[in-house]
């Protein structure tokens, strides 16, 4: 679009309320986008056309959206007349505006109240959907794995260099495998005694605990907060240094 002084708009500008800062994570790696803080809001600027990733840009809960020309004049979408002039801001690339959060957490936490649960060998083993492995094995896999494999995985790592991976398909690396029922994580080849306990425990845990509960073969459990699991992004994993 050509503006009233002959300049062409060349950037999109979005304004977000600060409580939506967490939403920026989904566009963090889209090329060309920058962010700045101004007048208690988060301002974003980036390309008008983002190809297949435009849907992610459009999904942001922006208070207002503009197009901006080379003179920093702001045009409401579809308008030929500017309504504001954007001041010079301290723009940062999104990867700097949102530093990577290295997902190190206290995985070995034990439930305060242990449930008296027994596990027995199963006659009908269920497929694995979680893996416990070492940080070394996990890093080696992530370094060489195709992006399409990583996009289907989440992980958490403890200070003891233990990694829990959930997703499908799981990495073909050494470790202990588990099957999952809602937020319950049970060793493959084992089941509850009796089996219907999974439904009862899982429903209660999902409603009240909001954590994954990882079981050992002897029935003891430990809790893993679900919000510490992070997407298996290669850049995040490479930054972990324990």
C-alpha atoms as a PDB file:
ATOM      1  CA  UNK A   1       0.000   0.000   0.000  1.00  0.00           C
ATOM      2  CA  UNK A   2       1.262   3.469  -0.881  1.00  0.00           C
ATOM      3  CA  UNK A   3       0.632   6.227   1.674  1.00  0.00           C
ATOM      4  CA  UNK A   4      -0.429   9.822   1.098  1.00  0.00           C
ATOM      5  CA  UNK A   5       3.190  11.073   0.833  1.00  0.00           C
ATOM      6  CA  UNK A   6       4.312   8.369  -1.562  1.00  0.00           C
ATOM      7  CA  UNK A   7       5.987   6.153   1.040  1.00  0.00           C
ATOM      8  CA  UNK A   8       5.046   2.534   1.086  1.00  0.00           C
ATOM      9  CA  UNK A   9       4.107   0.782   4.304  1.00  0.00           C
ATOM     10  CA  UNK A  10       6.718  -1.873   4.910  1.00  0.00           C
ATOM     11  CA  UNK A  11       6.167  -3.115   8.456  1.00  0.00           C
ATOM     12  CA  UNK A  12       3.395  -4.415  10.663  1.00  0.00           C
ATOM     13  CA  UNK A  13       3.133  -2.974  14.185  1.00  0.00           C
ATOM     14  CA  UNK A  14       1.176  -4.620  17.003  1.00  0.00           C
ATOM     15  CA  UNK A  15       0.425  -3.343  20.497  1.00  0.00           C
ATOM     16  CA  UNK A  16      -0.134  -5.830  23.347  1.00  0.00           C
ATOM     17  CA  UNK A  17      -1.088  -5.512  26.990  1.00  0.00           C
ATOM     18  CA  UNK A  18       1.843  -6.605  29.225  1.00  0.00           C
ATOM     19  CA  UNK A  19      -0.067  -9.594  30.627  1.00  0.00           C
ATOM     20  CA  UNK A  20       0.156 -11.219  27.197  1.00  0.00           C
ATOM     21  CA  UNK A  21       3.962 -11.239  27.104  1.00  0.00           C
ATOM     22  CA  UNK A  22       3.952 -15.019  27.440  1.00  0.00           C
ATOM     23  CA  UNK A  23       2.124 -15.251  24.109  1.00  0.00           C
ATOM     24  CA  UNK A  24       5.228 -13.991  22.324  1.00  0.00           C
ATOM     25  CA  UNK A  25       6.970 -17.307  22.793  1.00  0.00           C
ATOM     26  CA  UNK A  26       5.073 -18.800  19.867  1.00  0.00           C
ATOM     27  CA  UNK A  27       6.495 -16.218  17.425  1.00  0.00           C
ATOM     28  CA  UNK A  28       9.941 -16.009  19.008  1.00  0.00           C
ATOM     29  CA  UNK A  29      11.775 -17.611  16.106  1.00  0.00           C
ATOM     30  CA  UNK A  30       9.830 -15.998  13.249  1.00  0.00           C
ATOM     31  CA  UNK A  31      12.425 -13.943  11.325  1.00  0.00           C
ATOM     32  CA  UNK A  32      12.361 -10.153  11.400  1.00  0.00           C
ATOM     33  CA  UNK A  33      10.253  -9.507  14.496  1.00  0.00           C
ATOM     34  CA  UNK A  34      11.338  -7.122  17.245  1.00  0.00           C
ATOM     35  CA  UNK A  35       9.790  -5.893  20.479  1.00  0.00           C
ATOM     36  CA  UNK A  36      10.002  -2.882  22.770  1.00  0.00           C
ATOM     37  CA  UNK A  37       8.281  -1.576  25.897  1.00  0.00           C
ATOM     38  CA  UNK A  38       6.538   1.767  25.608  1.00  0.00           C
ATOM     39  CA  UNK A  39       3.854   3.453  27.717  1.00  0.00           C
ATOM     40  CA  UNK A  40       3.084   0.291  29.719  1.00  0.00           C
ATOM     41  CA  UNK A  41       2.532  -1.781  26.591  1.00  0.00           C
ATOM     42  CA  UNK A  42       4.549  -4.191  24.488  1.00  0.00           C
ATOM     43  CA  UNK A  43       5.098  -3.014  20.931  1.00  0.00           C
ATOM     44  CA  UNK A  44       6.007  -5.406  18.142  1.00  0.00           C
ATOM     45  CA  UNK A  45       7.167  -4.713  14.624  1.00  0.00           C
ATOM     46  CA  UNK A  46       7.932  -7.101  11.822  1.00  0.00           C
ATOM     47  CA  UNK A  47       7.264  -8.067   8.206  1.00  0.00           C
ATOM     48  CA  UNK A  48       3.824  -7.609   6.707  1.00  0.00           C
ATOM     49  CA  UNK A  49       4.010 -11.036   5.079  1.00  0.00           C
ATOM     50  CA  UNK A  50       5.164 -13.948   7.227  1.00  0.00           C
ATOM     51  CA  UNK A  51       4.226 -16.776   4.915  1.00  0.00           C
ATOM     52  CA  UNK A  52       2.920 -19.898   6.585  1.00  0.00           C
ATOM     53  CA  UNK A  53       3.640 -18.395  10.000  1.00  0.00           C
ATOM     54  CA  UNK A  54       1.229 -15.497   9.482  1.00  0.00           C
ATOM     55  CA  UNK A  55      -1.443 -17.425  11.371  1.00  0.00           C
ATOM     56  CA  UNK A  56       0.727 -17.271  14.493  1.00  0.00           C
ATOM     57  CA  UNK A  57       1.097 -13.498  14.133  1.00  0.00           C
ATOM     58  CA  UNK A  58      -2.641 -13.115  13.605  1.00  0.00           C
ATOM     59  CA  UNK A  59      -3.370 -15.162  16.737  1.00  0.00           C
ATOM     60  CA  UNK A  60      -1.655 -12.678  19.052  1.00  0.00           C
ATOM     61  CA  UNK A  61      -4.159 -10.796  21.279  1.00  0.00           C
ATOM     62  CA  UNK A  62      -3.142  -7.349  20.014  1.00  0.00           C
ATOM     63  CA  UNK A  63      -5.010  -4.324  21.344  1.00  0.00           C
ATOM     64  CA  UNK A  64      -4.450  -2.592  18.010  1.00  0.00           C
ATOM     65  CA  UNK A  65      -2.680  -3.369  14.761  1.00  0.00           C
ATOM     66  CA  UNK A  66      -0.988  -0.912  12.470  1.00  0.00           C
ATOM     67  CA  UNK A  67       0.982  -0.744   9.253  1.00  0.00           C
ATOM     68  CA  UNK A  68       4.029   1.549   9.371  1.00  0.00           C
ATOM     69  CA  UNK A  69       5.848   3.390   6.617  1.00  0.00           C
ATOM     70  CA  UNK A  70       9.488   4.456   6.365  1.00  0.00           C
ATOM     71  CA  UNK A  71       8.702   7.686   8.272  1.00  0.00           C
ATOM     72  CA  UNK A  72       7.410   5.721  11.287  1.00  0.00           C
ATOM     73  CA  UNK A  73       3.855   6.852  10.610  1.00  0.00           C
ATOM     74  CA  UNK A  74       1.220   4.429  11.852  1.00  0.00           C
ATOM     75  CA  UNK A  75      -1.780   3.520   9.710  1.00  0.00           C
ATOM     76  CA  UNK A  76      -4.695   1.505  11.081  1.00  0.00           C
ATOM     77  CA  UNK A  77      -5.155  -1.592   8.924  1.00  0.00           C
ATOM     78  CA  UNK A  78      -6.765  -0.664   5.610  1.00  0.00           C
ATOM     79  CA  UNK A  79      -6.533   3.115   6.136  1.00  0.00           C
ATOM     80  CA  UNK A  80      -4.632   5.535   3.901  1.00  0.00           C
ATOM     81  CA  UNK A  81      -4.298   8.255   6.525  1.00  0.00           C
ATOM     82  CA  UNK A  82      -1.900   7.909   9.480  1.00  0.00           C
ATOM     83  CA  UNK A  83      -3.220   8.340  13.012  1.00  0.00           C
ATOM     84  CA  UNK A  84       0.076   8.470  14.938  1.00  0.00           C
ATOM     85  CA  UNK A  85       3.817   8.802  14.642  1.00  0.00           C
ATOM     86  CA  UNK A  86       5.815   6.144  16.458  1.00  0.00           C
ATOM     87  CA  UNK A  87       8.720   7.428  18.510  1.00  0.00           C
ATOM     88  CA  UNK A  88      12.134   5.810  18.306  1.00  0.00           C
ATOM     89  CA  UNK A  89      12.054   2.862  20.684  1.00  0.00           C
ATOM     90  CA  UNK A  90      14.711   0.511  22.034  1.00  0.00           C
ATOM     91  CA  UNK A  91      13.806  -2.388  19.770  1.00  0.00           C
ATOM     92  CA  UNK A  92      15.185  -5.827  20.536  1.00  0.00           C
ATOM     93  CA  UNK A  93      14.970  -8.993  18.448  1.00  0.00           C
ATOM     94  CA  UNK A  94      12.444 -11.319  20.064  1.00  0.00           C
ATOM     95  CA  UNK A  95      15.144 -13.854  20.898  1.00  0.00           C
ATOM     96  CA  UNK A  96      16.754 -11.158  23.096  1.00  0.00           C
ATOM     97  CA  UNK A  97      13.492  -9.653  24.363  1.00  0.00           C
ATOM     98  CA  UNK A  98      12.438 -13.127  25.533  1.00  0.00           C
ATOM     99  CA  UNK A  99      15.585 -14.855  26.829  1.00  0.00           C
ATOM    100  CA  UNK A 100      15.520 -18.623  26.708  1.00  0.00           C
ATOM    101  CA  UNK A 101      14.377 -20.172  29.941  1.00  0.00           C
ATOM    102  CA  UNK A 102      16.516 -23.199  30.642  1.00  0.00           C
ATOM    103  CA  UNK A 103      14.066 -25.782  31.998  1.00  0.00           C
ATOM    104  CA  UNK A 104      16.001 -27.012  35.032  1.00  0.00           C
ATOM    105  CA  UNK A 105      13.747 -28.139  37.821  1.00  0.00           C
ATOM    106  CA  UNK A 106      13.539 -30.235  40.938  1.00  0.00           C
ATOM    107  CA  UNK A 107      12.272 -33.404  39.288  1.00  0.00           C
ATOM    108  CA  UNK A 108      13.017 -35.663  42.242  1.00  0.00           C
ATOM    109  CA  UNK A 109      10.207 -34.149  44.351  1.00  0.00           C
ATOM    110  CA  UNK A 110       8.199 -36.697  46.308  1.00  0.00           C
ATOM    111  CA  UNK A 111       4.485 -36.449  46.924  1.00  0.00           C
ATOM    112  CA  UNK A 112       3.826 -35.345  50.489  1.00  0.00           C
ATOM    113  CA  UNK A 113       1.243 -38.095  50.879  1.00  0.00           C
ATOM    114  CA  UNK A 114       2.110 -41.386  49.211  1.00  0.00           C
ATOM    115  CA  UNK A 115      -0.889 -43.260  47.851  1.00  0.00           C
ATOM    116  CA  UNK A 116      -0.991 -46.914  48.866  1.00  0.00           C
ATOM    117  CA  UNK A 117      -0.869 -48.292  45.322  1.00  0.00           C
ATOM    118  CA  UNK A 118       0.392 -51.639  44.072  1.00  0.00           C
ATOM    119  CA  UNK A 119       1.699 -52.310  40.578  1.00  0.00           C
ATOM    120  CA  UNK A 120       1.774 -55.765  39.034  1.00  0.00           C
ATOM    121  CA  UNK A 121       3.155 -57.203  35.815  1.00  0.00           C
ATOM    122  CA  UNK A 122       0.655 -56.615  33.007  1.00  0.00           C
ATOM    123  CA  UNK A 123      -0.562 -59.313  30.637  1.00  0.00           C
ATOM    124  CA  UNK A 124      -1.395 -56.605  28.095  1.00  0.00           C
ATOM    125  CA  UNK A 125       1.508 -54.108  28.040  1.00  0.00           C
ATOM    126  CA  UNK A 126       0.627 -50.640  26.754  1.00  0.00           C
ATOM    127  CA  UNK A 127       2.799 -48.632  24.325  1.00  0.00           C
ATOM    128  CA  UNK A 128       5.343 -46.209  25.734  1.00  0.00           C
ATOM    129  CA  UNK A 129       4.694 -42.449  25.711  1.00  0.00           C
ATOM    130  CA  UNK A 130       7.284 -41.245  28.244  1.00  0.00           C
ATOM    131  CA  UNK A 131      10.999 -41.852  28.646  1.00  0.00           C
ATOM    132  CA  UNK A 132      13.455 -41.375  31.505  1.00  0.00           C
ATOM    133  CA  UNK A 133      17.003 -40.966  30.242  1.00  0.00           C
ATOM    134  CA  UNK A 134      20.255 -39.140  30.929  1.00  0.00           C
ATOM    135  CA  UNK A 135      21.035 -35.581  29.875  1.00  0.00           C
ATOM    136  CA  UNK A 136      23.958 -36.850  27.767  1.00  0.00           C
ATOM    137  CA  UNK A 137      21.760 -39.214  25.758  1.00  0.00           C
ATOM    138  CA  UNK A 138      19.071 -36.559  25.348  1.00  0.00           C
ATOM    139  CA  UNK A 139      21.505 -33.905  24.123  1.00  0.00           C
ATOM    140  CA  UNK A 140      23.051 -36.276  21.596  1.00  0.00           C
ATOM    141  CA  UNK A 141      19.634 -37.176  20.204  1.00  0.00           C
ATOM    142  CA  UNK A 142      18.395 -33.570  19.996  1.00  0.00           C
ATOM    143  CA  UNK A 143      21.578 -32.425  18.261  1.00  0.00           C
ATOM    144  CA  UNK A 144      20.994 -34.743  15.285  1.00  0.00           C
ATOM    145  CA  UNK A 145      17.220 -35.312  15.275  1.00  0.00           C
ATOM    146  CA  UNK A 146      15.041 -33.889  12.480  1.00  0.00           C
ATOM    147  CA  UNK A 147      12.956 -30.906  13.524  1.00  0.00           C
ATOM    148  CA  UNK A 148       9.739 -32.792  12.802  1.00  0.00           C
ATOM    149  CA  UNK A 149      10.677 -35.345  15.486  1.00  0.00           C
ATOM    150  CA  UNK A 150      11.480 -32.684  18.075  1.00  0.00           C
ATOM    151  CA  UNK A 151       8.232 -30.795  17.502  1.00  0.00           C
ATOM    152  CA  UNK A 152       6.282 -33.710  18.973  1.00  0.00           C
ATOM    153  CA  UNK A 153       8.281 -33.907  22.204  1.00  0.00           C
ATOM    154  CA  UNK A 154       8.431 -32.091  25.533  1.00  0.00           C
ATOM    155  CA  UNK A 155      10.990 -32.547  28.270  1.00  0.00           C
ATOM    156  CA  UNK A 156      12.096 -31.570  31.758  1.00  0.00           C
ATOM    157  CA  UNK A 157      15.554 -31.962  33.282  1.00  0.00           C
ATOM    158  CA  UNK A 158      16.633 -32.108  36.905  1.00  0.00           C
ATOM    159  CA  UNK A 159      19.735 -30.858  38.656  1.00  0.00           C
ATOM    160  CA  UNK A 160      20.827 -34.508  38.827  1.00  0.00           C
ATOM    161  CA  UNK A 161      20.937 -34.589  34.981  1.00  0.00           C
ATOM    162  CA  UNK A 162      17.887 -36.806  34.737  1.00  0.00           C
ATOM    163  CA  UNK A 163      15.560 -36.108  31.802  1.00  0.00           C
ATOM    164  CA  UNK A 164      11.908 -37.027  31.396  1.00  0.00           C
ATOM    165  CA  UNK A 165      10.630 -36.903  27.808  1.00  0.00           C
ATOM    166  CA  UNK A 166       6.976 -37.179  26.827  1.00  0.00           C
ATOM    167  CA  UNK A 167       5.525 -37.453  23.327  1.00  0.00           C
ATOM    168  CA  UNK A 168       5.115 -39.779  20.381  1.00  0.00           C
ATOM    169  CA  UNK A 169       7.222 -41.184  18.895  1.00  0.00           C
ATOM    170  CA  UNK A 170       9.781 -41.290  21.687  1.00  0.00           C
ATOM    171  CA  UNK A 171      13.499 -41.003  20.955  1.00  0.00           C
ATOM    172  CA  UNK A 172      15.224 -44.351  20.230  1.00  0.00           C
ATOM    173  CA  UNK A 173      17.803 -43.844  22.986  1.00  0.00           C
ATOM    174  CA  UNK A 174      18.672 -45.802  26.163  1.00  0.00           C
ATOM    175  CA  UNK A 175      16.414 -45.229  29.112  1.00  0.00           C
ATOM    176  CA  UNK A 176      13.387 -46.415  31.033  1.00  0.00           C
ATOM    177  CA  UNK A 177      10.026 -46.246  29.248  1.00  0.00           C
ATOM    178  CA  UNK A 178       6.590 -45.542  30.667  1.00  0.00           C
ATOM    179  CA  UNK A 179       3.004 -45.536  29.469  1.00  0.00           C
ATOM    180  CA  UNK A 180       0.617 -42.771  30.459  1.00  0.00           C
ATOM    181  CA  UNK A 181      -2.991 -42.563  31.570  1.00  0.00           C
ATOM    182  CA  UNK A 182      -3.971 -38.887  31.798  1.00  0.00           C
ATOM    183  CA  UNK A 183      -1.324 -37.518  34.164  1.00  0.00           C
ATOM    184  CA  UNK A 184      -0.200 -40.892  35.522  1.00  0.00           C
ATOM    185  CA  UNK A 185       3.176 -42.212  34.315  1.00  0.00           C
ATOM    186  CA  UNK A 186       3.569 -45.977  34.799  1.00  0.00           C
ATOM    187  CA  UNK A 187       6.470 -48.289  33.869  1.00  0.00           C
ATOM    188  CA  UNK A 188       5.816 -50.199  30.646  1.00  0.00           C
ATOM    189  CA  UNK A 189       4.943 -53.821  31.448  1.00  0.00           C
ATOM    190  CA  UNK A 190       3.183 -52.891  34.688  1.00  0.00           C
ATOM    191  CA  UNK A 191      -0.370 -51.942  35.581  1.00  0.00           C
ATOM    192  CA  UNK A 192      -2.375 -51.043  38.648  1.00  0.00           C
ATOM    193  CA  UNK A 193      -3.819 -53.731  40.869  1.00  0.00           C
ATOM    194  CA  UNK A 194      -6.696 -53.666  40.086  1.00  0.00           C
ATOM    195  CA  UNK A 195      -6.378 -51.943  36.652  1.00  0.00           C
ATOM    196  CA  UNK A 196      -9.431 -49.681  37.091  1.00  0.00           C
ATOM    197  CA  UNK A 197      -7.514 -47.705  39.746  1.00  0.00           C
ATOM    198  CA  UNK A 198      -5.829 -45.750  36.939  1.00  0.00           C
ATOM    199  CA  UNK A 199      -9.100 -44.048  36.075  1.00  0.00           C
ATOM    200  CA  UNK A 200      -9.919 -43.243  39.691  1.00  0.00           C
ATOM    201  CA  UNK A 201      -6.457 -41.940  40.590  1.00  0.00           C
ATOM    202  CA  UNK A 202      -5.968 -40.069  37.334  1.00  0.00           C
ATOM    203  CA  UNK A 203      -9.261 -38.192  37.596  1.00  0.00           C
ATOM    204  CA  UNK A 204      -8.544 -37.170  41.178  1.00  0.00           C
ATOM    205  CA  UNK A 205      -4.972 -36.147  40.440  1.00  0.00           C
ATOM    206  CA  UNK A 206      -5.889 -34.171  37.333  1.00  0.00           C
ATOM    207  CA  UNK A 207      -8.511 -32.206  39.266  1.00  0.00           C
ATOM    208  CA  UNK A 208      -6.509 -31.489  42.419  1.00  0.00           C
ATOM    209  CA  UNK A 209      -2.772 -32.004  41.931  1.00  0.00           C
ATOM    210  CA  UNK A 210      -2.257 -30.846  38.330  1.00  0.00           C
ATOM    211  CA  UNK A 211       1.044 -32.690  38.152  1.00  0.00           C
ATOM    212  CA  UNK A 212       2.361 -35.778  36.469  1.00  0.00           C
ATOM    213  CA  UNK A 213       2.705 -38.629  38.941  1.00  0.00           C
ATOM    214  CA  UNK A 214       5.547 -40.982  38.067  1.00  0.00           C
ATOM    215  CA  UNK A 215       5.332 -44.478  39.540  1.00  0.00           C
ATOM    216  CA  UNK A 216       8.103 -46.943  40.268  1.00  0.00           C
ATOM    217  CA  UNK A 217       7.597 -50.677  39.975  1.00  0.00           C
ATOM    218  CA  UNK A 218       7.167 -50.945  43.747  1.00  0.00           C
ATOM    219  CA  UNK A 219       4.262 -48.474  43.681  1.00  0.00           C
ATOM    220  CA  UNK A 220       6.061 -45.475  45.183  1.00  0.00           C
ATOM    221  CA  UNK A 221       5.472 -42.179  43.435  1.00  0.00           C
ATOM    222  CA  UNK A 222       6.974 -38.763  42.836  1.00  0.00           C
ATOM    223  CA  UNK A 223       5.268 -35.698  41.441  1.00  0.00           C
ATOM    224  CA  UNK A 224       6.463 -33.642  38.487  1.00  0.00           C
ATOM    225  CA  UNK A 225       4.744 -30.256  37.932  1.00  0.00           C
ATOM    226  CA  UNK A 226       3.342 -30.260  34.413  1.00  0.00           C
ATOM    227  CA  UNK A 227       4.335 -26.648  33.771  1.00  0.00           C
ATOM    228  CA  UNK A 228       8.078 -27.384  33.928  1.00  0.00           C
ATOM    229  CA  UNK A 229       7.951 -29.375  30.694  1.00  0.00           C
ATOM    230  CA  UNK A 230       9.288 -27.400  27.748  1.00  0.00           C
ATOM    231  CA  UNK A 231       9.171 -27.953  23.971  1.00  0.00           C
ATOM    232  CA  UNK A 232      12.159 -29.903  22.687  1.00  0.00           C
ATOM    233  CA  UNK A 233      13.809 -26.939  20.960  1.00  0.00           C
ATOM    234  CA  UNK A 234      17.410 -27.562  19.921  1.00  0.00           C
ATOM    235  CA  UNK A 235      18.524 -24.099  21.090  1.00  0.00           C
ATOM    236  CA  UNK A 236      17.113 -24.659  24.581  1.00  0.00           C
ATOM    237  CA  UNK A 237      18.700 -28.075  25.024  1.00  0.00           C
ATOM    238  CA  UNK A 238      22.110 -26.846  23.888  1.00  0.00           C
ATOM    239  CA  UNK A 239      22.091 -24.159  26.579  1.00  0.00           C
ATOM    240  CA  UNK A 240      21.726 -26.641  29.431  1.00  0.00           C
ATOM    241  CA  UNK A 241      25.023 -26.951  31.279  1.00  0.00           C
ATOM    242  CA  UNK A 242      24.793 -28.944  34.501  1.00  0.00           C
END
